Amino acid sequence: MGVLGKKKQRREAEIPTSSMADIAFLLLIFFLVTTTIDVDTGIGMTLPPELDEEVEPPPVRERNILKILINAQGQVLLEDLPSSVGQIRDEVLTHVRNNGVDDRYAESPTKAVVSIKTDRQTPYNLYIQTLDEVWMAYFEIWDSDARSRGFSQYTEYRASLEDGQENEIRKTWPAQISLAEPDPGDS
């Protein structure tokens, strides 16, 4: 067989894979840099500044405190009486708006304090529902005050405030909420 009889051996086509690892690495970096990860931030609450150890805490009369206790079994006690989460808003409204009329409730809106005490084993969703009911009571009060001032709702009043202008509604009806663990004798 001569030159004609020999079959040429063909080289098989190869796909260059040496840069595949580089491309995968660059894609990985791209997705890590551009991906946003949602982070739970918890409940936004502004806490009062810590008192000096030498300073006595300010006195608060017992009638100015509305006590809400949620125990580990998920029972809600409003002023030591079994209640439901649905009753909390009405009780907060009565407590804050009392203006000294009823001896069982606050002397004035600026002295009214809502105390929420929970156990470490309190169901978290029940705690959130309770806190929501308290805040909704305050928003209802603020909406009512804003309507009496000619606004359709509190958010419209708040949007009308200029930078540095004092929020008169929040000054008249301050939300004073105390969050704590129960005392050893509470149940």
N, C-alpha and C. Protein backbone atom coordinates (compact mmCIF):
# COMPACT_ATOMS: atom_id res chain seq x y z
N MET A 1 0.85 -1.14 0.00
CA MET A 1 0.00 0.00 0.00
C MET A 1 0.90 1.21 0.00
N GLY A 2 0.51 1.99 -0.75
CA GLY A 2 1.31 3.17 -0.89
C GLY A 2 0.74 4.29 -0.05
N VAL A 3 1.11 5.39 -0.48
CA VAL A 3 0.71 6.60 0.22
C VAL A 3 -0.80 6.76 0.15
N LEU A 4 -1.38 6.27 -0.90
CA LEU A 4 -2.82 6.43 -1.05
C LEU A 4 -3.60 5.51 -0.12
N GLY A 5 -3.06 4.41 0.22
CA GLY A 5 -3.80 3.46 1.01
C GLY A 5 -3.86 3.78 2.49
N LYS A 6 -3.07 4.67 2.92
CA LYS A 6 -3.06 5.00 4.35
C LYS A 6 -4.22 5.93 4.66
N LYS A 7 -4.89 5.62 5.68
CA LYS A 7 -5.96 6.51 6.14
C LYS A 7 -5.35 7.50 7.10
N LYS A 8 -5.78 8.70 6.91
CA LYS A 8 -5.29 9.73 7.83
C LYS A 8 -6.02 9.59 9.16
N GLN A 9 -5.27 9.63 10.19
CA GLN A 9 -5.91 9.61 11.50
C GLN A 9 -6.30 11.03 11.86
N ARG A 10 -7.55 11.16 12.13
CA ARG A 10 -8.05 12.49 12.48
C ARG A 10 -7.95 12.69 13.99
N ARG A 11 -7.61 13.87 14.32
CA ARG A 11 -7.63 14.21 15.74
C ARG A 11 -9.05 14.59 16.10
N GLU A 12 -9.49 14.09 17.21
CA GLU A 12 -10.85 14.43 17.62
C GLU A 12 -10.87 15.87 18.12
N ALA A 13 -12.00 16.53 17.87
CA ALA A 13 -12.14 17.93 18.29
C ALA A 13 -12.24 18.01 19.80
N GLU A 14 -11.52 18.93 20.37
CA GLU A 14 -11.54 19.11 21.81
C GLU A 14 -12.14 20.47 22.14
N ILE A 15 -12.86 20.48 23.22
CA ILE A 15 -13.41 21.74 23.72
C ILE A 15 -12.45 22.22 24.80
N PRO A 16 -11.97 23.43 24.65
CA PRO A 16 -11.02 23.90 25.66
C PRO A 16 -11.74 24.14 27.00
N THR A 17 -11.35 23.42 28.01
CA THR A 17 -12.00 23.52 29.33
C THR A 17 -11.13 24.20 30.36
N SER A 18 -9.98 24.64 29.98
CA SER A 18 -9.08 25.25 30.96
C SER A 18 -9.67 26.53 31.54
N SER A 19 -10.46 27.26 30.78
CA SER A 19 -11.02 28.51 31.31
C SER A 19 -12.38 28.31 31.96
N MET A 20 -12.94 27.12 31.95
CA MET A 20 -14.24 26.86 32.57
C MET A 20 -14.20 27.13 34.08
N ALA A 21 -13.14 26.74 34.72
CA ALA A 21 -13.03 26.97 36.16
C ALA A 21 -12.96 28.47 36.44
N ASP A 22 -12.27 29.21 35.60
CA ASP A 22 -12.20 30.67 35.78
C ASP A 22 -13.58 31.29 35.64
N ILE A 23 -14.33 30.85 34.64
CA ILE A 23 -15.68 31.39 34.40
C ILE A 23 -16.59 31.06 35.58
N ALA A 24 -16.54 29.82 36.07
CA ALA A 24 -17.37 29.42 37.22
C ALA A 24 -17.01 30.25 38.44
N PHE A 25 -15.72 30.47 38.65
CA PHE A 25 -15.28 31.27 39.79
C PHE A 25 -15.78 32.71 39.67
N LEU A 26 -15.69 33.30 38.49
CA LEU A 26 -16.18 34.67 38.29
C LEU A 26 -17.69 34.76 38.48
N LEU A 27 -18.44 33.77 38.01
CA LEU A 27 -19.89 33.76 38.23
C LEU A 27 -20.22 33.66 39.71
N LEU A 28 -19.49 32.81 40.41
CA LEU A 28 -19.70 32.67 41.85
C LEU A 28 -19.48 34.00 42.57
N ILE A 29 -18.40 34.66 42.26
CA ILE A 29 -18.13 35.97 42.88
C ILE A 29 -19.21 36.97 42.51
N PHE A 30 -19.64 36.98 41.26
CA PHE A 30 -20.70 37.91 40.82
C PHE A 30 -21.97 37.71 41.64
N PHE A 31 -22.40 36.45 41.80
CA PHE A 31 -23.64 36.20 42.53
C PHE A 31 -23.49 36.50 44.02
N LEU A 32 -22.33 36.26 44.58
CA LEU A 32 -22.12 36.59 46.00
C LEU A 32 -22.17 38.10 46.24
N VAL A 33 -21.63 38.86 45.30
CA VAL A 33 -21.59 40.31 45.46
C VAL A 33 -22.96 40.94 45.22
N THR A 34 -23.72 40.42 44.27
CA THR A 34 -24.98 41.07 43.89
C THR A 34 -26.18 40.57 44.67
N THR A 35 -26.07 39.47 45.38
CA THR A 35 -27.21 38.93 46.11
C THR A 35 -27.42 39.72 47.41
N THR A 36 -28.68 40.08 47.66
CA THR A 36 -29.00 40.72 48.94
C THR A 36 -29.64 39.67 49.84
N ILE A 37 -29.23 39.67 51.07
CA ILE A 37 -29.75 38.70 52.04
C ILE A 37 -30.58 39.47 53.05
N ASP A 38 -31.83 39.05 53.20
CA ASP A 38 -32.70 39.69 54.18
C ASP A 38 -32.26 39.31 55.58
N VAL A 39 -32.15 40.30 56.42
CA VAL A 39 -31.75 40.07 57.80
C VAL A 39 -32.90 40.53 58.69
N ASP A 40 -33.36 39.64 59.55
CA ASP A 40 -34.40 40.01 60.50
C ASP A 40 -33.82 40.99 61.49
N THR A 41 -34.47 42.13 61.62
CA THR A 41 -33.94 43.15 62.51
C THR A 41 -34.66 43.17 63.85
N GLY A 42 -35.71 42.40 63.99
CA GLY A 42 -36.42 42.37 65.26
C GLY A 42 -37.43 43.50 65.36
N ILE A 43 -37.87 43.78 66.54
CA ILE A 43 -38.88 44.79 66.79
C ILE A 43 -38.16 46.09 67.13
N GLY A 44 -38.47 47.14 66.40
CA GLY A 44 -37.85 48.43 66.67
C GLY A 44 -38.49 49.12 67.85
N MET A 45 -37.78 49.25 68.91
CA MET A 45 -38.28 49.93 70.10
C MET A 45 -37.21 50.90 70.59
N THR A 46 -37.63 52.08 70.96
CA THR A 46 -36.72 53.05 71.55
C THR A 46 -36.78 52.88 73.06
N LEU A 47 -35.67 52.49 73.63
CA LEU A 47 -35.63 52.27 75.07
C LEU A 47 -35.16 53.53 75.78
N PRO A 48 -35.65 53.75 76.98
CA PRO A 48 -35.18 54.91 77.73
C PRO A 48 -33.73 54.73 78.15
N PRO A 49 -33.04 55.83 78.42
CA PRO A 49 -31.65 55.69 78.85
C PRO A 49 -31.58 55.03 80.22
N GLU A 50 -30.48 54.32 80.46
CA GLU A 50 -30.31 53.65 81.73
C GLU A 50 -30.05 54.67 82.83
N LEU A 51 -30.71 54.47 83.97
CA LEU A 51 -30.54 55.38 85.09
C LEU A 51 -29.23 55.09 85.81
N ASP A 52 -28.67 56.12 86.42
CA ASP A 52 -27.50 55.92 87.27
C ASP A 52 -27.91 55.08 88.48
N GLU A 53 -26.96 54.34 89.01
CA GLU A 53 -27.27 53.48 90.15
C GLU A 53 -27.62 54.29 91.39
N GLU A 54 -27.09 55.52 91.50
CA GLU A 54 -27.38 56.34 92.67
C GLU A 54 -28.74 57.03 92.58
N VAL A 55 -29.29 57.14 91.38
CA VAL A 55 -30.55 57.86 91.19
C VAL A 55 -31.72 56.91 91.37
N GLU A 56 -32.67 57.34 92.18
CA GLU A 56 -33.89 56.57 92.38
C GLU A 56 -34.76 56.68 91.14
N PRO A 57 -35.43 55.58 90.71
CA PRO A 57 -36.33 55.68 89.57
C PRO A 57 -37.51 56.60 89.91
N PRO A 58 -38.05 57.28 88.92
CA PRO A 58 -39.15 58.19 89.21
C PRO A 58 -40.36 57.44 89.75
N PRO A 59 -41.06 58.04 90.69
CA PRO A 59 -42.23 57.34 91.26
C PRO A 59 -43.38 57.30 90.25
N VAL A 60 -44.05 56.15 90.21
CA VAL A 60 -45.21 55.98 89.34
C VAL A 60 -46.33 55.44 90.21
N ARG A 61 -47.44 56.16 90.21
CA ARG A 61 -48.57 55.70 91.01
C ARG A 61 -49.15 54.45 90.39
N GLU A 62 -49.60 53.56 91.23
CA GLU A 62 -50.12 52.26 90.79
C GLU A 62 -51.29 52.41 89.81
N ARG A 63 -52.12 53.40 89.99
CA ARG A 63 -53.29 53.57 89.12
C ARG A 63 -52.89 53.99 87.71
N ASN A 64 -51.69 54.53 87.53
CA ASN A 64 -51.24 54.96 86.21
C ASN A 64 -50.65 53.82 85.37
N ILE A 65 -50.54 52.64 85.96
CA ILE A 65 -49.96 51.50 85.26
C ILE A 65 -51.06 50.50 84.91
N LEU A 66 -51.17 50.20 83.62
CA LEU A 66 -52.06 49.13 83.16
C LEU A 66 -51.20 47.90 82.99
N LYS A 67 -51.45 46.86 83.79
CA LYS A 67 -50.59 45.68 83.81
C LYS A 67 -51.16 44.59 82.90
N ILE A 68 -50.32 44.15 81.96
CA ILE A 68 -50.66 43.03 81.09
C ILE A 68 -49.58 41.97 81.33
N LEU A 69 -50.00 40.76 81.68
CA LEU A 69 -49.07 39.66 81.92
C LEU A 69 -49.42 38.52 80.98
N ILE A 70 -48.42 38.01 80.28
CA ILE A 70 -48.61 36.83 79.43
C ILE A 70 -47.70 35.75 79.98
N ASN A 71 -48.31 34.67 80.49
CA ASN A 71 -47.48 33.63 81.12
C ASN A 71 -47.01 32.61 80.10
N ALA A 72 -46.26 31.62 80.57
CA ALA A 72 -45.66 30.62 79.69
C ALA A 72 -46.71 29.74 79.01
N GLN A 73 -47.89 29.63 79.59
CA GLN A 73 -48.95 28.82 78.99
C GLN A 73 -49.75 29.59 77.94
N GLY A 74 -49.41 30.87 77.74
CA GLY A 74 -50.12 31.67 76.74
C GLY A 74 -51.38 32.32 77.27
N GLN A 75 -51.54 32.37 78.57
CA GLN A 75 -52.71 33.02 79.16
C GLN A 75 -52.41 34.51 79.32
N VAL A 76 -53.39 35.34 78.98
CA VAL A 76 -53.26 36.79 79.10
C VAL A 76 -54.01 37.23 80.35
N LEU A 77 -53.30 37.94 81.22
CA LEU A 77 -53.92 38.49 82.43
C LEU A 77 -53.86 40.01 82.33
N LEU A 78 -55.03 40.63 82.37
CA LEU A 78 -55.14 42.08 82.29
C LEU A 78 -55.53 42.56 83.68
N GLU A 79 -54.63 43.28 84.35
CA GLU A 79 -54.85 43.67 85.75
C GLU A 79 -55.19 42.45 86.60
N ASP A 80 -54.43 41.37 86.41
CA ASP A 80 -54.54 40.11 87.15
C ASP A 80 -55.84 39.35 86.89
N LEU A 81 -56.61 39.74 85.87
CA LEU A 81 -57.83 39.02 85.51
C LEU A 81 -57.64 38.35 84.16
N PRO A 82 -58.06 37.07 84.03
CA PRO A 82 -57.93 36.39 82.73
C PRO A 82 -58.66 37.16 81.63
N SER A 83 -57.99 37.35 80.51
CA SER A 83 -58.55 38.12 79.40
C SER A 83 -58.11 37.49 78.10
N SER A 84 -58.52 38.12 77.01
CA SER A 84 -58.07 37.70 75.69
C SER A 84 -57.30 38.85 75.05
N VAL A 85 -56.57 38.54 74.01
CA VAL A 85 -55.81 39.57 73.30
C VAL A 85 -56.76 40.61 72.74
N GLY A 86 -57.95 40.20 72.32
CA GLY A 86 -58.94 41.12 71.75
C GLY A 86 -59.42 42.18 72.72
N GLN A 87 -59.31 41.96 74.01
CA GLN A 87 -59.77 42.93 75.01
C GLN A 87 -58.73 43.99 75.33
N ILE A 88 -57.50 43.76 74.91
CA ILE A 88 -56.40 44.64 75.30
C ILE A 88 -56.57 46.05 74.74
N ARG A 89 -56.93 46.17 73.47
CA ARG A 89 -57.02 47.49 72.85
C ARG A 89 -58.04 48.37 73.57
N ASP A 90 -59.23 47.82 73.85
CA ASP A 90 -60.25 48.61 74.53
C ASP A 90 -59.79 49.05 75.92
N GLU A 91 -59.09 48.15 76.61
CA GLU A 91 -58.61 48.47 77.96
C GLU A 91 -57.55 49.57 77.91
N VAL A 92 -56.66 49.51 76.92
CA VAL A 92 -55.63 50.55 76.78
C VAL A 92 -56.29 51.88 76.44
N LEU A 93 -57.27 51.86 75.55
CA LEU A 93 -57.98 53.10 75.19
C LEU A 93 -58.63 53.72 76.43
N THR A 94 -59.29 52.91 77.23
CA THR A 94 -59.94 53.41 78.44
C THR A 94 -58.90 53.95 79.41
N HIS A 95 -57.81 53.23 79.58
CA HIS A 95 -56.75 53.61 80.52
C HIS A 95 -56.13 54.96 80.14
N VAL A 96 -55.77 55.11 78.87
CA VAL A 96 -55.06 56.32 78.44
C VAL A 96 -56.00 57.52 78.38
N ARG A 97 -57.23 57.33 77.94
CA ARG A 97 -58.18 58.45 77.78
C ARG A 97 -58.91 58.81 79.07
N ASN A 98 -58.64 58.17 80.16
CA ASN A 98 -59.39 58.34 81.40
C ASN A 98 -59.38 59.76 81.95
N ASN A 99 -58.24 60.43 81.93
CA ASN A 99 -58.09 61.79 82.47
C ASN A 99 -58.57 61.92 83.91
N GLY A 100 -58.30 60.90 84.73
CA GLY A 100 -58.59 60.98 86.15
C GLY A 100 -60.03 60.73 86.54
N VAL A 101 -60.90 60.40 85.62
CA VAL A 101 -62.32 60.20 85.93
C VAL A 101 -62.53 58.95 86.79
N ASP A 102 -61.99 57.83 86.34
CA ASP A 102 -62.16 56.55 87.04
C ASP A 102 -60.87 56.27 87.82
N ASP A 103 -61.02 55.94 89.12
CA ASP A 103 -59.85 55.69 89.98
C ASP A 103 -59.05 54.46 89.56
N ARG A 104 -59.62 53.58 88.74
CA ARG A 104 -58.91 52.37 88.32
C ARG A 104 -57.96 52.63 87.15
N TYR A 105 -58.08 53.80 86.52
CA TYR A 105 -57.28 54.09 85.32
C TYR A 105 -56.42 55.33 85.53
N ALA A 106 -55.61 55.66 84.54
CA ALA A 106 -54.60 56.72 84.63
C ALA A 106 -55.19 58.09 84.94
N GLU A 107 -54.37 58.88 85.65
CA GLU A 107 -54.76 60.25 85.99
C GLU A 107 -54.77 61.16 84.77
N SER A 108 -53.83 60.93 83.86
CA SER A 108 -53.75 61.74 82.64
C SER A 108 -53.02 60.92 81.57
N PRO A 109 -53.19 61.31 80.29
CA PRO A 109 -52.51 60.57 79.22
C PRO A 109 -50.99 60.59 79.33
N THR A 110 -50.44 61.68 79.88
CA THR A 110 -48.98 61.77 79.99
C THR A 110 -48.43 60.90 81.13
N LYS A 111 -49.28 60.49 82.05
CA LYS A 111 -48.84 59.64 83.16
C LYS A 111 -49.19 58.17 82.92
N ALA A 112 -49.98 57.87 81.90
CA ALA A 112 -50.42 56.50 81.63
C ALA A 112 -49.26 55.66 81.12
N VAL A 113 -49.07 54.50 81.75
CA VAL A 113 -48.03 53.55 81.36
C VAL A 113 -48.70 52.20 81.13
N VAL A 114 -48.33 51.54 80.04
CA VAL A 114 -48.82 50.19 79.77
C VAL A 114 -47.65 49.25 80.00
N SER A 115 -47.78 48.37 80.98
CA SER A 115 -46.71 47.44 81.34
C SER A 115 -47.04 46.06 80.78
N ILE A 116 -46.16 45.55 79.92
CA ILE A 116 -46.33 44.20 79.36
C ILE A 116 -45.23 43.33 79.94
N LYS A 117 -45.64 42.32 80.70
CA LYS A 117 -44.68 41.39 81.28
C LYS A 117 -44.89 40.03 80.63
N THR A 118 -43.77 39.41 80.27
CA THR A 118 -43.83 38.10 79.64
C THR A 118 -42.86 37.15 80.32
N ASP A 119 -43.15 35.89 80.19
CA ASP A 119 -42.26 34.84 80.67
C ASP A 119 -41.31 34.49 79.53
N ARG A 120 -40.19 33.88 79.84
CA ARG A 120 -39.25 33.46 78.78
C ARG A 120 -39.89 32.45 77.82
N GLN A 121 -40.82 31.66 78.30
CA GLN A 121 -41.47 30.65 77.47
C GLN A 121 -42.79 31.14 76.85
N THR A 122 -43.09 32.41 76.96
CA THR A 122 -44.30 32.95 76.36
C THR A 122 -44.24 32.75 74.85
N PRO A 123 -45.33 32.26 74.25
CA PRO A 123 -45.34 32.12 72.79
C PRO A 123 -45.09 33.48 72.12
N TYR A 124 -44.11 33.51 71.22
CA TYR A 124 -43.69 34.77 70.59
C TYR A 124 -44.83 35.43 69.83
N ASN A 125 -45.64 34.64 69.12
CA ASN A 125 -46.73 35.24 68.35
C ASN A 125 -47.76 35.91 69.26
N LEU A 126 -47.97 35.38 70.45
CA LEU A 126 -48.90 35.99 71.40
C LEU A 126 -48.33 37.31 71.93
N TYR A 127 -47.04 37.33 72.16
CA TYR A 127 -46.37 38.57 72.58
C TYR A 127 -46.52 39.65 71.51
N ILE A 128 -46.29 39.28 70.25
CA ILE A 128 -46.40 40.23 69.14
C ILE A 128 -47.84 40.72 68.99
N GLN A 129 -48.81 39.82 69.11
CA GLN A 129 -50.23 40.21 69.02
C GLN A 129 -50.58 41.21 70.13
N THR A 130 -50.08 40.96 71.31
CA THR A 130 -50.34 41.85 72.45
C THR A 130 -49.73 43.22 72.20
N LEU A 131 -48.48 43.24 71.79
CA LEU A 131 -47.80 44.50 71.50
C LEU A 131 -48.51 45.25 70.37
N ASP A 132 -48.97 44.52 69.35
CA ASP A 132 -49.72 45.14 68.25
C ASP A 132 -51.00 45.78 68.74
N GLU A 133 -51.71 45.11 69.63
CA GLU A 133 -52.96 45.66 70.15
C GLU A 133 -52.72 46.95 70.94
N VAL A 134 -51.64 46.97 71.71
CA VAL A 134 -51.30 48.18 72.47
C VAL A 134 -50.98 49.32 71.50
N TRP A 135 -50.14 49.04 70.50
CA TRP A 135 -49.79 50.09 69.53
C TRP A 135 -51.01 50.54 68.72
N MET A 136 -51.91 49.60 68.39
CA MET A 136 -53.11 49.97 67.63
C MET A 136 -54.02 50.88 68.46
N ALA A 137 -54.05 50.68 69.76
CA ALA A 137 -54.82 51.57 70.62
C ALA A 137 -54.25 52.99 70.54
N TYR A 138 -52.94 53.10 70.62
CA TYR A 138 -52.32 54.42 70.52
C TYR A 138 -52.55 55.04 69.15
N PHE A 139 -52.43 54.25 68.08
CA PHE A 139 -52.68 54.80 66.75
C PHE A 139 -54.13 55.24 66.60
N GLU A 140 -55.05 54.53 67.24
CA GLU A 140 -56.46 54.95 67.21
C GLU A 140 -56.64 56.30 67.91
N ILE A 141 -55.98 56.47 69.04
CA ILE A 141 -56.04 57.74 69.76
C ILE A 141 -55.43 58.86 68.92
N TRP A 142 -54.26 58.60 68.31
CA TRP A 142 -53.59 59.61 67.50
C TRP A 142 -54.41 59.96 66.27
N ASP A 143 -55.05 58.96 65.65
CA ASP A 143 -55.92 59.23 64.48
C ASP A 143 -57.09 60.12 64.88
N SER A 144 -57.69 59.81 66.04
CA SER A 144 -58.83 60.60 66.52
C SER A 144 -58.41 62.05 66.77
N ASP A 145 -57.26 62.24 67.40
CA ASP A 145 -56.77 63.59 67.66
C ASP A 145 -56.46 64.32 66.35
N ALA A 146 -55.88 63.62 65.39
CA ALA A 146 -55.56 64.23 64.10
C ALA A 146 -56.83 64.66 63.37
N ARG A 147 -57.88 63.84 63.44
CA ARG A 147 -59.16 64.21 62.81
C ARG A 147 -59.76 65.44 63.48
N SER A 148 -59.60 65.55 64.80
CA SER A 148 -60.13 66.73 65.49
C SER A 148 -59.36 67.99 65.11
N ARG A 149 -58.16 67.83 64.57
CA ARG A 149 -57.34 68.96 64.12
C ARG A 149 -57.52 69.24 62.62
N GLY A 150 -58.45 68.52 61.97
CA GLY A 150 -58.73 68.77 60.56
C GLY A 150 -57.99 67.89 59.57
N PHE A 151 -57.32 66.85 60.04
CA PHE A 151 -56.61 65.93 59.15
C PHE A 151 -57.45 64.67 58.99
N SER A 152 -57.22 63.93 57.91
CA SER A 152 -57.99 62.71 57.70
C SER A 152 -57.50 61.57 58.58
N GLN A 153 -56.22 61.57 58.91
CA GLN A 153 -55.64 60.54 59.78
C GLN A 153 -54.31 61.03 60.32
N TYR A 154 -53.76 60.27 61.27
CA TYR A 154 -52.52 60.67 61.93
C TYR A 154 -51.35 60.74 60.96
N THR A 155 -51.26 59.82 60.01
CA THR A 155 -50.13 59.83 59.07
C THR A 155 -50.13 61.11 58.23
N GLU A 156 -51.31 61.63 57.92
CA GLU A 156 -51.38 62.90 57.17
C GLU A 156 -50.87 64.05 58.05
N TYR A 157 -51.26 64.05 59.33
CA TYR A 157 -50.77 65.07 60.26
C TYR A 157 -49.25 65.01 60.37
N ARG A 158 -48.72 63.78 60.53
CA ARG A 158 -47.28 63.61 60.68
C ARG A 158 -46.53 64.06 59.43
N ALA A 159 -47.11 63.80 58.26
CA ALA A 159 -46.47 64.22 57.01
C ALA A 159 -46.48 65.74 56.86
N SER A 160 -47.43 66.41 57.52
CA SER A 160 -47.52 67.87 57.42
C SER A 160 -46.49 68.58 58.30
N LEU A 161 -45.89 67.85 59.24
CA LEU A 161 -44.91 68.47 60.13
C LEU A 161 -43.63 68.81 59.37
N GLU A 162 -43.11 69.96 59.64
CA GLU A 162 -41.85 70.37 59.02
C GLU A 162 -40.70 69.87 59.88
N ASP A 163 -39.50 69.83 59.30
CA ASP A 163 -38.32 69.37 60.03
C ASP A 163 -38.15 70.17 61.31
N GLY A 164 -37.98 69.46 62.41
CA GLY A 164 -37.76 70.11 63.69
C GLY A 164 -39.04 70.53 64.40
N GLN A 165 -40.19 70.47 63.71
CA GLN A 165 -41.45 70.84 64.34
C GLN A 165 -41.89 69.74 65.29
N GLU A 166 -42.33 70.12 66.48
CA GLU A 166 -42.72 69.15 67.50
C GLU A 166 -44.05 68.50 67.15
N ASN A 167 -44.14 67.22 67.41
CA ASN A 167 -45.37 66.46 67.17
C ASN A 167 -46.27 66.66 68.39
N GLU A 168 -47.22 67.56 68.27
CA GLU A 168 -48.11 67.89 69.40
C GLU A 168 -48.99 66.72 69.81
N ILE A 169 -49.40 65.91 68.83
CA ILE A 169 -50.25 64.76 69.16
C ILE A 169 -49.48 63.77 70.03
N ARG A 170 -48.24 63.46 69.64
CA ARG A 170 -47.44 62.52 70.43
C ARG A 170 -47.07 63.12 71.78
N LYS A 171 -46.98 64.43 71.85
CA LYS A 171 -46.69 65.08 73.14
C LYS A 171 -47.91 64.99 74.06
N THR A 172 -49.10 65.15 73.50
CA THR A 172 -50.33 65.06 74.28
C THR A 172 -50.64 63.63 74.70
N TRP A 173 -50.39 62.68 73.78
CA TRP A 173 -50.70 61.27 74.00
C TRP A 173 -49.42 60.44 73.84
N PRO A 174 -48.47 60.52 74.76
CA PRO A 174 -47.23 59.76 74.60
C PRO A 174 -47.45 58.26 74.82
N ALA A 175 -46.83 57.46 73.97
CA ALA A 175 -46.91 56.00 74.12
C ALA A 175 -45.83 55.58 75.10
N GLN A 176 -46.23 55.25 76.31
CA GLN A 176 -45.30 54.83 77.35
C GLN A 176 -45.56 53.35 77.64
N ILE A 177 -44.73 52.51 77.02
CA ILE A 177 -44.91 51.07 77.11
C ILE A 177 -43.69 50.48 77.81
N SER A 178 -43.94 49.72 78.85
CA SER A 178 -42.88 49.08 79.61
C SER A 178 -42.89 47.59 79.29
N LEU A 179 -41.73 47.05 78.87
CA LEU A 179 -41.61 45.63 78.56
C LEU A 179 -40.67 45.00 79.59
N ALA A 180 -41.13 43.92 80.23
CA ALA A 180 -40.30 43.31 81.27
C ALA A 180 -40.67 41.85 81.45
N GLU A 181 -39.81 41.14 82.18
CA GLU A 181 -40.12 39.78 82.59
C GLU A 181 -40.92 39.86 83.89
N PRO A 182 -41.75 38.86 84.16
CA PRO A 182 -42.57 38.93 85.37
C PRO A 182 -41.75 38.82 86.65
N ASP A 183 -42.31 39.37 87.70
CA ASP A 183 -41.71 39.24 89.02
C ASP A 183 -41.85 37.78 89.48
N PRO A 184 -41.01 37.33 90.40
CA PRO A 184 -41.08 35.92 90.84
C PRO A 184 -42.46 35.50 91.35
N GLY A 185 -43.24 36.41 91.91
CA GLY A 185 -44.56 36.05 92.46
C GLY A 185 -45.67 36.02 91.45
N ASP A 186 -45.47 36.55 90.22
CA ASP A 186 -46.52 36.57 89.20
C ASP A 186 -46.73 35.16 88.65
N SER A 187 -47.97 34.91 88.21
CA SER A 187 -48.26 33.60 87.61
C SER A 187 -49.11 33.72 86.40
